[in-house]
PDB file of N, CA and C in Angstrom:
ATOM      1  N   MET A   1       0.033  18.047   3.112  1.00  0.00           N
ATOM      2  CA  MET A   1      -0.159  18.814   1.899  1.00  0.00           C
ATOM      3  C   MET A   1       0.913  19.881   1.779  1.00  0.00           C
ATOM      4  N   GLN A   2       1.257  20.515   2.892  1.00  0.00           N
ATOM      5  CA  GLN A   2       2.312  21.516   2.830  1.00  0.00           C
ATOM      6  C   GLN A   2       3.669  20.883   2.545  1.00  0.00           C
ATOM      7  N   THR A   3       3.816  19.621   2.925  1.00  0.00           N
ATOM      8  CA  THR A   3       5.077  18.934   2.671  1.00  0.00           C
ATOM      9  C   THR A   3       5.095  18.273   1.302  1.00  0.00           C
ATOM     10  N   GLY A   4       3.973  18.271   0.608  1.00  0.00           N
ATOM     11  CA  GLY A   4       3.914  17.720  -0.734  1.00  0.00           C
ATOM     12  C   GLY A   4       3.782  16.210  -0.790  1.00  0.00           C
ATOM     13  N   ILE A   5       3.335  15.582   0.291  1.00  0.00           N
ATOM     14  CA  ILE A   5       3.183  14.127   0.321  1.00  0.00           C
ATOM     15  C   ILE A   5       1.786  13.723  -0.136  1.00  0.00           C
ATOM     16  N   LEU A   6       0.801  14.532   0.199  1.00  0.00           N
ATOM     17  CA  LEU A   6      -0.590  14.280  -0.185  1.00  0.00           C
ATOM     18  C   LEU A   6      -1.124  15.429  -1.017  1.00  0.00           C
ATOM     19  N   GLU A   7      -2.083  15.091  -1.873  1.00  0.00           N
ATOM     20  CA  GLU A   7      -2.816  16.138  -2.578  1.00  0.00           C
ATOM     21  C   GLU A   7      -4.306  15.912  -2.343  1.00  0.00           C
ATOM     22  N   LYS A   8      -5.029  16.989  -2.236  1.00  0.00           N
ATOM     23  CA  LYS A   8      -6.471  16.934  -1.986  1.00  0.00           C
ATOM     24  C   LYS A   8      -7.196  17.366  -3.248  1.00  0.00           C
ATOM     25  N   LYS A   9      -8.171  16.528  -3.638  1.00  0.00           N
ATOM     26  CA  LYS A   9      -8.957  16.832  -4.834  1.00  0.00           C
ATOM     27  C   LYS A   9     -10.430  16.649  -4.507  1.00  0.00           C
ATOM     28  N   PRO A  10     -11.317  17.306  -5.251  1.00  0.00           N
ATOM     29  CA  PRO A  10     -12.742  17.049  -5.068  1.00  0.00           C
ATOM     30  C   PRO A  10     -13.084  15.633  -5.520  1.00  0.00           C
ATOM     31  N   HIS A  11     -14.030  15.014  -4.838  1.00  0.00           N
ATOM     32  CA  HIS A  11     -14.515  13.680  -5.218  1.00  0.00           C
ATOM     33  C   HIS A  11     -15.112  13.756  -6.622  1.00  0.00           C
ATOM     34  N   ALA A  12     -14.929  12.717  -7.409  1.00  0.00           N
ATOM     35  CA  ALA A  12     -15.371  12.726  -8.811  1.00  0.00           C
ATOM     36  C   ALA A  12     -16.877  12.866  -8.970  1.00  0.00           C
ATOM     37  N   THR A  13     -17.654  12.251  -8.069  1.00  0.00           N
ATOM     38  CA  THR A  13     -19.106  12.267  -8.233  1.00  0.00           C
ATOM     39  C   THR A  13     -19.840  13.028  -7.143  1.00  0.00           C
ATOM     40  N   ASP A  14     -19.201  13.265  -6.012  1.00  0.00           N
ATOM     41  CA  ASP A  14     -19.842  13.972  -4.897  1.00  0.00           C
ATOM     42  C   ASP A  14     -18.962  15.145  -4.489  1.00  0.00           C
ATOM     43  N   LYS A  15     -19.276  16.310  -5.010  1.00  0.00           N
ATOM     44  CA  LYS A  15     -18.439  17.495  -4.803  1.00  0.00           C
ATOM     45  C   LYS A  15     -18.398  17.954  -3.337  1.00  0.00           C
ATOM     46  N   ARG A  16     -19.257  17.364  -2.491  1.00  0.00           N
ATOM     47  CA  ARG A  16     -19.200  17.694  -1.058  1.00  0.00           C
ATOM     48  C   ARG A  16     -18.035  16.985  -0.372  1.00  0.00           C
ATOM     49  N   LYS A  17     -17.505  15.965  -1.031  1.00  0.00           N
ATOM     50  CA  LYS A  17     -16.415  15.175  -0.463  1.00  0.00           C
ATOM     51  C   LYS A  17     -15.084  15.550  -1.099  1.00  0.00           C
ATOM     52  N   GLU A  18     -14.026  15.228  -0.369  1.00  0.00           N
ATOM     53  CA  GLU A  18     -12.686  15.426  -0.903  1.00  0.00           C
ATOM     54  C   GLU A  18     -11.942  14.100  -0.850  1.00  0.00           C
ATOM     55  N   VAL A  19     -11.039  13.905  -1.782  1.00  0.00           N
ATOM     56  CA  VAL A  19     -10.250  12.682  -1.876  1.00  0.00           C
ATOM     57  C   VAL A  19      -8.783  13.060  -1.708  1.00  0.00           C
ATOM     58  N   TYR A  20      -8.082  12.277  -0.905  1.00  0.00           N
ATOM     59  CA  TYR A  20      -6.657  12.495  -0.707  1.00  0.00           C
ATOM     60  C   TYR A  20      -5.882  11.408  -1.446  1.00  0.00           C
ATOM     61  N   ALA A  21      -4.822  11.814  -2.114  1.00  0.00           N
ATOM     62  CA  ALA A  21      -3.987  10.865  -2.857  1.00  0.00           C
ATOM     63  C   ALA A  21      -2.526  11.204  -2.615  1.00  0.00           C
ATOM     64  N   LEU A  22      -1.686  10.179  -2.693  1.00  0.00           N
ATOM     65  CA  LEU A  22      -0.254  10.396  -2.563  1.00  0.00           C
ATOM     66  C   LEU A  22       0.292  11.079  -3.812  1.00  0.00           C
ATOM     67  N   THR A  23       1.188  12.010  -3.607  1.00  0.00           N
ATOM     68  CA  THR A  23       1.915  12.632  -4.715  1.00  0.00           C
ATOM     69  C   THR A  23       3.084  11.714  -5.074  1.00  0.00           C
ATOM     70  N   GLU A  24       3.846  12.070  -6.073  1.00  0.00           N
ATOM     71  CA  GLU A  24       5.058  11.310  -6.404  1.00  0.00           C
ATOM     72  C   GLU A  24       5.987  11.262  -5.196  1.00  0.00           C
ATOM     73  N   LYS A  25       6.090  12.375  -4.501  1.00  0.00           N
ATOM     74  CA  LYS A  25       6.926  12.434  -3.291  1.00  0.00           C
ATOM     75  C   LYS A  25       6.397  11.458  -2.236  1.00  0.00           C
ATOM     76  N   GLY A  26       5.086  11.384  -2.092  1.00  0.00           N
ATOM     77  CA  GLY A  26       4.478  10.456  -1.148  1.00  0.00           C
ATOM     78  C   GLY A  26       4.682   9.010  -1.569  1.00  0.00           C
ATOM     79  N   LEU A  27       4.540   8.740  -2.860  1.00  0.00           N
ATOM     80  CA  LEU A  27       4.759   7.382  -3.374  1.00  0.00           C
ATOM     81  C   LEU A  27       6.194   6.920  -3.142  1.00  0.00           C
ATOM     82  N   ASP A  28       7.125   7.868  -3.128  1.00  0.00           N
ATOM     83  CA  ASP A  28       8.528   7.523  -2.882  1.00  0.00           C
ATOM     84  C   ASP A  28       8.768   7.024  -1.456  1.00  0.00           C
ATOM     85  N   LEU A  29       7.793   7.191  -0.565  1.00  0.00           N
ATOM     86  CA  LEU A  29       7.910   6.679   0.802  1.00  0.00           C
ATOM     87  C   LEU A  29       7.563   5.189   0.907  1.00  0.00           C
ATOM     88  N   ILE A  30       6.997   4.616  -0.141  1.00  0.00           N
ATOM     89  CA  ILE A  30       6.563   3.216  -0.097  1.00  0.00           C
ATOM     90  C   ILE A  30       7.682   2.261   0.319  1.00  0.00           C
ATOM     91  N   PRO A  31       8.894   2.351  -0.219  1.00  0.00           N
ATOM     92  CA  PRO A  31       9.940   1.417   0.222  1.00  0.00           C
ATOM     93  C   PRO A  31      10.227   1.495   1.727  1.00  0.00           C
ATOM     94  N   ILE A  32      10.206   2.689   2.266  1.00  0.00           N
ATOM     95  CA  ILE A  32      10.459   2.864   3.700  1.00  0.00           C
ATOM     96  C   ILE A  32       9.322   2.261   4.512  1.00  0.00           C
ATOM     97  N   LEU A  33       8.095   2.548   4.104  1.00  0.00           N
ATOM     98  CA  LEU A  33       6.932   2.013   4.825  1.00  0.00           C
ATOM     99  C   LEU A  33       6.869   0.491   4.708  1.00  0.00           C
ATOM    100  N   LEU A  34       7.253  -0.052   3.558  1.00  0.00           N
ATOM    101  CA  LEU A  34       7.262  -1.499   3.384  1.00  0.00           C
ATOM    102  C   LEU A  34       8.291  -2.145   4.309  1.00  0.00           C
ATOM    103  N   GLU A  35       9.447  -1.522   4.442  1.00  0.00           N
ATOM    104  CA  GLU A  35      10.472  -2.042   5.363  1.00  0.00           C
ATOM    105  C   GLU A  35       9.954  -2.054   6.796  1.00  0.00           C
ATOM    106  N   LEU A  36       9.321  -0.969   7.207  1.00  0.00           N
ATOM    107  CA  LEU A  36       8.780  -0.907   8.565  1.00  0.00           C
ATOM    108  C   LEU A  36       7.689  -1.948   8.785  1.00  0.00           C
ATOM    109  N   ALA A  37       6.786  -2.076   7.814  1.00  0.00           N
ATOM    110  CA  ALA A  37       5.696  -3.040   7.942  1.00  0.00           C
ATOM    111  C   ALA A  37       6.227  -4.467   7.951  1.00  0.00           C
ATOM    112  N   ASN A  38       7.190  -4.749   7.112  1.00  0.00           N
ATOM    113  CA  ASN A  38       7.754  -6.090   7.044  1.00  0.00           C
ATOM    114  C   ASN A  38       8.505  -6.428   8.332  1.00  0.00           C
ATOM    115  N   TRP A  39       9.251  -5.481   8.853  1.00  0.00           N
ATOM    116  CA  TRP A  39       9.950  -5.692  10.126  1.00  0.00           C
ATOM    117  C   TRP A  39       8.941  -5.998  11.230  1.00  0.00           C
ATOM    118  N   SER A  40       7.884  -5.229  11.279  1.00  0.00           N
ATOM    119  CA  SER A  40       6.849  -5.431  12.287  1.00  0.00           C
ATOM    120  C   SER A  40       6.198  -6.803  12.149  1.00  0.00           C
ATOM    121  N   ALA A  41       5.884  -7.202  10.924  1.00  0.00           N
ATOM    122  CA  ALA A  41       5.240  -8.491  10.691  1.00  0.00           C
ATOM    123  C   ALA A  41       6.146  -9.652  11.096  1.00  0.00           C
ATOM    124  N   GLN A  42       7.438  -9.483  10.897  1.00  0.00           N
ATOM    125  CA  GLN A  42       8.376 -10.551  11.250  1.00  0.00           C
ATOM    126  C   GLN A  42       8.582 -10.652  12.764  1.00  0.00           C
ATOM    127  N   HIS A  43       8.448  -9.542  13.473  1.00  0.00           N
ATOM    128  CA  HIS A  43       8.746  -9.523  14.901  1.00  0.00           C
ATOM    129  C   HIS A  43       7.519  -9.513  15.801  1.00  0.00           C
ATOM    130  N   ASP A  44       6.350  -9.336  15.220  1.00  0.00           N
ATOM    131  CA  ASP A  44       5.122  -9.338  16.012  1.00  0.00           C
ATOM    132  C   ASP A  44       4.045 -10.090  15.252  1.00  0.00           C
ATOM    133  N   PRO A  45       3.842 -11.365  15.590  1.00  0.00           N
ATOM    134  CA  PRO A  45       2.869 -12.165  14.846  1.00  0.00           C
ATOM    135  C   PRO A  45       1.433 -11.655  14.960  1.00  0.00           C
ATOM    136  N   GLN A  46       1.161 -10.772  15.886  1.00  0.00           N
ATOM    137  CA  GLN A  46      -0.193 -10.244  16.048  1.00  0.00           C
ATOM    138  C   GLN A  46      -0.549  -9.186  15.014  1.00  0.00           C
ATOM    139  N   THR A  47       0.375  -8.848  14.136  1.00  0.00           N
ATOM    140  CA  THR A  47       0.051  -7.875  13.086  1.00  0.00           C
ATOM    141  C   THR A  47      -0.981  -8.432  12.122  1.00  0.00           C
ATOM    142  N   GLY A  48      -1.058  -9.754  12.013  1.00  0.00           N
ATOM    143  CA  GLY A  48      -2.018 -10.379  11.113  1.00  0.00           C
ATOM    144  C   GLY A  48      -1.556 -10.451   9.673  1.00  0.00           C
ATOM    145  N   ALA A  49      -0.328 -10.046   9.403  1.00  0.00           N
ATOM    146  CA  ALA A  49       0.179 -10.119   8.030  1.00  0.00           C
ATOM    147  C   ALA A  49       0.336 -11.581   7.622  1.00  0.00           C
ATOM    148  N   PRO A  50      -0.180 -11.947   6.454  1.00  0.00           N
ATOM    149  CA  PRO A  50      -0.037 -13.335   5.998  1.00  0.00           C
ATOM    150  C   PRO A  50       1.437 -13.709   5.838  1.00  0.00           C
ATOM    151  N   GLN A  51       1.793 -14.896   6.264  1.00  0.00           N
ATOM    152  CA  GLN A  51       3.177 -15.359   6.126  1.00  0.00           C
ATOM    153  C   GLN A  51       3.595 -15.406   4.654  1.00  0.00           C
ATOM    154  N   VAL A  52       2.653 -15.727   3.790  1.00  0.00           N
ATOM    155  CA  VAL A  52       2.948 -15.746   2.355  1.00  0.00           C
ATOM    156  C   VAL A  52       3.356 -14.350   1.885  1.00  0.00           C
ATOM    157  N   TRP A  53       2.674 -13.338   2.392  1.00  0.00           N
ATOM    158  CA  TRP A  53       2.995 -11.948   2.049  1.00  0.00           C
ATOM    159  C   TRP A  53       4.427 -11.620   2.467  1.00  0.00           C
ATOM    160  N   ILE A  54       4.778 -11.971   3.694  1.00  0.00           N
ATOM    161  CA  ILE A  54       6.120 -11.696   4.214  1.00  0.00           C
ATOM    162  C   ILE A  54       7.168 -12.373   3.323  1.00  0.00           C
ATOM    163  N   ALA A  55       6.915 -13.625   2.969  1.00  0.00           N
ATOM    164  CA  ALA A  55       7.850 -14.362   2.116  1.00  0.00           C
ATOM    165  C   ALA A  55       7.989 -13.695   0.751  1.00  0.00           C
ATOM    166  N   MET A  56       6.878 -13.245   0.186  1.00  0.00           N
ATOM    167  CA  MET A  56       6.913 -12.605  -1.136  1.00  0.00           C
ATOM    168  C   MET A  56       7.691 -11.291  -1.086  1.00  0.00           C
ATOM    169  N   VAL A  57       7.502 -10.535  -0.024  1.00  0.00           N
ATOM    170  CA  VAL A  57       8.239  -9.273   0.118  1.00  0.00           C
ATOM    171  C   VAL A  57       9.730  -9.559   0.215  1.00  0.00           C
ATOM    172  N   ASN A  58      10.091 -10.551   1.014  1.00  0.00           N
ATOM    173  CA  ASN A  58      11.510 -10.879   1.184  1.00  0.00           C
ATOM    174  C   ASN A  58      12.119 -11.466  -0.087  1.00  0.00           C
ATOM    175  N   GLU A  59      11.321 -12.162  -0.872  1.00  0.00           N
ATOM    176  CA  GLU A  59      11.817 -12.797  -2.095  1.00  0.00           C
ATOM    177  C   GLU A  59      12.158 -11.775  -3.180  1.00  0.00           C
ATOM    178  N   ASP A  60      11.280 -10.786  -3.392  1.00  0.00           N
ATOM    179  CA  ASP A  60      11.506  -9.800  -4.460  1.00  0.00           C
ATOM    180  C   ASP A  60      10.908  -8.460  -4.044  1.00  0.00           C
ATOM    181  N   LYS A  61      11.631  -7.762  -3.209  1.00  0.00           N
ATOM    182  CA  LYS A  61      11.149  -6.507  -2.635  1.00  0.00           C
ATOM    183  C   LYS A  61      10.880  -5.452  -3.707  1.00  0.00           C
ATOM    184  N   GLU A  62      11.748  -5.347  -4.702  1.00  0.00           N
ATOM    185  CA  GLU A  62      11.562  -4.334  -5.746  1.00  0.00           C
ATOM    186  C   GLU A  62      10.274  -4.576  -6.539  1.00  0.00           C
ATOM    187  N   LYS A  63       9.980  -5.826  -6.817  1.00  0.00           N
ATOM    188  CA  LYS A  63       8.754  -6.157  -7.532  1.00  0.00           C
ATOM    189  C   LYS A  63       7.538  -5.773  -6.699  1.00  0.00           C
ATOM    190  N   MET A  64       7.584  -6.053  -5.396  1.00  0.00           N
ATOM    191  CA  MET A  64       6.471  -5.712  -4.519  1.00  0.00           C
ATOM    192  C   MET A  64       6.302  -4.200  -4.414  1.00  0.00           C
ATOM    193  N   ILE A  65       7.391  -3.474  -4.357  1.00  0.00           N
ATOM    194  CA  ILE A  65       7.311  -2.012  -4.300  1.00  0.00           C
ATOM    195  C   ILE A  65       6.632  -1.479  -5.557  1.00  0.00           C
ATOM    196  N   ARG A  66       6.984  -2.017  -6.719  1.00  0.00           N
ATOM    197  CA  ARG A  66       6.338  -1.597  -7.972  1.00  0.00           C
ATOM    198  C   ARG A  66       4.844  -1.915  -7.950  1.00  0.00           C
ATOM    199  N   ARG A  67       4.487  -3.132  -7.501  1.00  0.00           N
ATOM    200  CA  ARG A  67       3.070  -3.513  -7.433  1.00  0.00           C
ATOM    201  C   ARG A  67       2.296  -2.594  -6.492  1.00  0.00           C
ATOM    202  N   ILE A  68       2.878  -2.312  -5.347  1.00  0.00           N
ATOM    203  CA  ILE A  68       2.210  -1.442  -4.380  1.00  0.00           C
ATOM    204  C   ILE A  68       2.027  -0.055  -4.983  1.00  0.00           C
ATOM    205  N   ARG A  69       3.062   0.478  -5.558  1.00  0.00           N
ATOM    206  CA  ARG A  69       3.005   1.817  -6.155  1.00  0.00           C
ATOM    207  C   ARG A  69       1.921   1.895  -7.227  1.00  0.00           C
ATOM    208  N   GLU A  70       1.899   0.917  -8.130  1.00  0.00           N
ATOM    209  CA  GLU A  70       0.899   0.906  -9.207  1.00  0.00           C
ATOM    210  C   GLU A  70      -0.514   0.781  -8.649  1.00  0.00           C
ATOM    211  N   THR A  71      -0.686  -0.072  -7.656  1.00  0.00           N
ATOM    212  CA  THR A  71      -2.011  -0.271  -7.063  1.00  0.00           C
ATOM    213  C   THR A  71      -2.494   0.996  -6.374  1.00  0.00           C
ATOM    214  N   VAL A  72      -1.625   1.640  -5.609  1.00  0.00           N
ATOM    215  CA  VAL A  72      -1.994   2.866  -4.905  1.00  0.00           C
ATOM    216  C   VAL A  72      -2.302   3.976  -5.911  1.00  0.00           C
ATOM    217  N   GLN A  73      -1.554   4.057  -6.983  1.00  0.00           N
ATOM    218  CA  GLN A  73      -1.815   5.072  -8.005  1.00  0.00           C
ATOM    219  C   GLN A  73      -3.177   4.873  -8.665  1.00  0.00           C
ATOM    220  N   ARG A  74      -3.639   3.631  -8.737  1.00  0.00           N
ATOM    221  CA  ARG A  74      -4.970   3.343  -9.290  1.00  0.00           C
ATOM    222  C   ARG A  74      -6.074   3.571  -8.275  1.00  0.00           C
ATOM    223  N   GLY A  75      -5.713   3.845  -7.033  1.00  0.00           N
ATOM    224  CA  GLY A  75      -6.711   4.060  -5.994  1.00  0.00           C
ATOM    225  C   GLY A  75      -6.969   2.843  -5.133  1.00  0.00           C
ATOM    226  N   GLY A  76      -6.200   1.767  -5.338  1.00  0.00           N
ATOM    227  CA  GLY A  76      -6.351   0.560  -4.537  1.00  0.00           C
ATOM    228  C   GLY A  76      -5.567   0.654  -3.237  1.00  0.00           C
ATOM    229  N   SER A  77      -5.684  -0.412  -2.440  1.00  0.00           N
ATOM    230  CA  SER A  77      -4.958  -0.463  -1.169  1.00  0.00           C
ATOM    231  C   SER A  77      -4.000  -1.644  -1.180  1.00  0.00           C
ATOM    232  N   ILE A  78      -3.340  -1.861  -0.081  1.00  0.00           N
ATOM    233  CA  ILE A  78      -2.395  -2.964  -0.008  1.00  0.00           C
ATOM    234  C   ILE A  78      -3.084  -4.252   0.435  1.00  0.00           C
ATOM    235  N   PHE A  79      -3.868  -4.182   1.511  1.00  0.00           N
ATOM    236  CA  PHE A  79      -4.402  -5.401   2.097  1.00  0.00           C
ATOM    237  C   PHE A  79      -5.901  -5.621   1.926  1.00  0.00           C
ATOM    238  N   VAL A  80      -6.677  -4.577   1.693  1.00  0.00           N
ATOM    239  CA  VAL A  80      -8.135  -4.704   1.744  1.00  0.00           C
ATOM    240  C   VAL A  80      -8.767  -4.282   0.422  1.00  0.00           C
ATOM    241  N   GLY A  81      -9.761  -5.052  -0.005  1.00  0.00           N
ATOM    242  CA  GLY A  81     -10.550  -4.659  -1.160  1.00  0.00           C
ATOM    243  C   GLY A  81     -10.230  -5.459  -2.402  1.00  0.00           C
ATOM    244  N   PRO A  82     -11.127  -5.372  -3.377  1.00  0.00           N
ATOM    245  CA  PRO A  82     -10.968  -6.156  -4.603  1.00  0.00           C
ATOM    246  C   PRO A  82      -9.788  -5.707  -5.465  1.00  0.00           C
ATOM    247  N   ASP A  83      -9.334  -4.472  -5.301  1.00  0.00           N
ATOM    248  CA  ASP A  83      -8.195  -3.974  -6.076  1.00  0.00           C
ATOM    249  C   ASP A  83      -6.958  -3.826  -5.189  1.00  0.00           C
ATOM    250  N   SER A  84      -6.879  -4.634  -4.138  1.00  0.00           N
ATOM    251  CA  SER A  84      -5.713  -4.559  -3.256  1.00  0.00           C
ATOM    252  C   SER A  84      -4.571  -5.387  -3.824  1.00  0.00           C
ATOM    253  N   VAL A  85      -3.365  -5.086  -3.376  1.00  0.00           N
ATOM    254  CA  VAL A  85      -2.204  -5.868  -3.796  1.00  0.00           C
ATOM    255  C   VAL A  85      -2.397  -7.322  -3.386  1.00  0.00           C
ATOM    256  N   VAL A  86      -2.864  -7.540  -2.174  1.00  0.00           N
ATOM    257  CA  VAL A  86      -3.049  -8.900  -1.670  1.00  0.00           C
ATOM    258  C   VAL A  86      -4.026  -9.677  -2.545  1.00  0.00           C
ATOM    259  N   SER A  87      -5.128  -9.047  -2.946  1.00  0.00           N
ATOM    260  CA  SER A  87      -6.110  -9.771  -3.774  1.00  0.00           C
ATOM    261  C   SER A  87      -5.553 -10.093  -5.161  1.00  0.00           C
ATOM    262  N   THR A  88      -4.734  -9.231  -5.716  1.00  0.00           N
ATOM    263  CA  THR A  88      -4.185  -9.493  -7.047  1.00  0.00           C
ATOM    264  C   THR A  88      -3.116 -10.589  -7.010  1.00  0.00           C
ATOM    265  N   LEU A  89      -2.553 -10.824  -5.826  1.00  0.00           N
ATOM    266  CA  LEU A  89      -1.546 -11.872  -5.687  1.00  0.00           C
ATOM    267  C   LEU A  89      -2.159 -13.206  -5.260  1.00  0.00           C
ATOM    268  N   GLY A  90      -3.447 -13.177  -4.954  1.00  0.00           N
ATOM    269  CA  GLY A  90      -4.103 -14.398  -4.501  1.00  0.00           C
ATOM    270  C   GLY A  90      -3.719 -14.792  -3.090  1.00  0.00           C
ATOM    271  N   VAL A  91      -3.284 -13.818  -2.297  1.00  0.00           N
ATOM    272  CA  VAL A  91      -2.878 -14.088  -0.915  1.00  0.00           C
ATOM    273  C   VAL A  91      -4.067 -13.833  -0.006  1.00  0.00           C
ATOM    274  N   GLU A  92      -4.370 -14.778   0.842  1.00  0.00           N
ATOM    275  CA  GLU A  92      -5.468 -14.638   1.794  1.00  0.00           C
ATOM    276  C   GLU A  92      -4.904 -14.244   3.149  1.00  0.00           C
ATOM    277  N   ASN A  93      -5.619 -13.409   3.896  1.00  0.00           N
ATOM    278  CA  ASN A  93      -5.223 -13.148   5.279  1.00  0.00           C
ATOM    279  C   ASN A  93      -5.430 -14.412   6.076  1.00  0.00           C
ATOM    280  N   GLU A  94      -4.428 -14.756   6.887  1.00  0.00           N
ATOM    281  CA  GLU A  94      -4.503 -15.982   7.677  1.00  0.00           C
ATOM    282  C   GLU A  94      -5.217 -15.742   8.980  1.00  0.00           C
TER     283      GLU A  94
END
């Protein structure tokens, strides 16, 4: 929060909880994190990353970065949940 990567807000329906979200500065880290994750998936098969996912990232990295950014801004995740990037691409975990 002091570095401006995350912002903390009250939960929309339960004021006892707090929600953390990436700021624009935090969202700008997505390309770096994607490179690290992709490198790891290519060099360590135990990461569990679907091979289809790896191929899609390598095929059009800029498109994937945009999808990830938009999904995270909506409150979704990359790999888990109905609003994840993986679910919107129809990619199943292998």
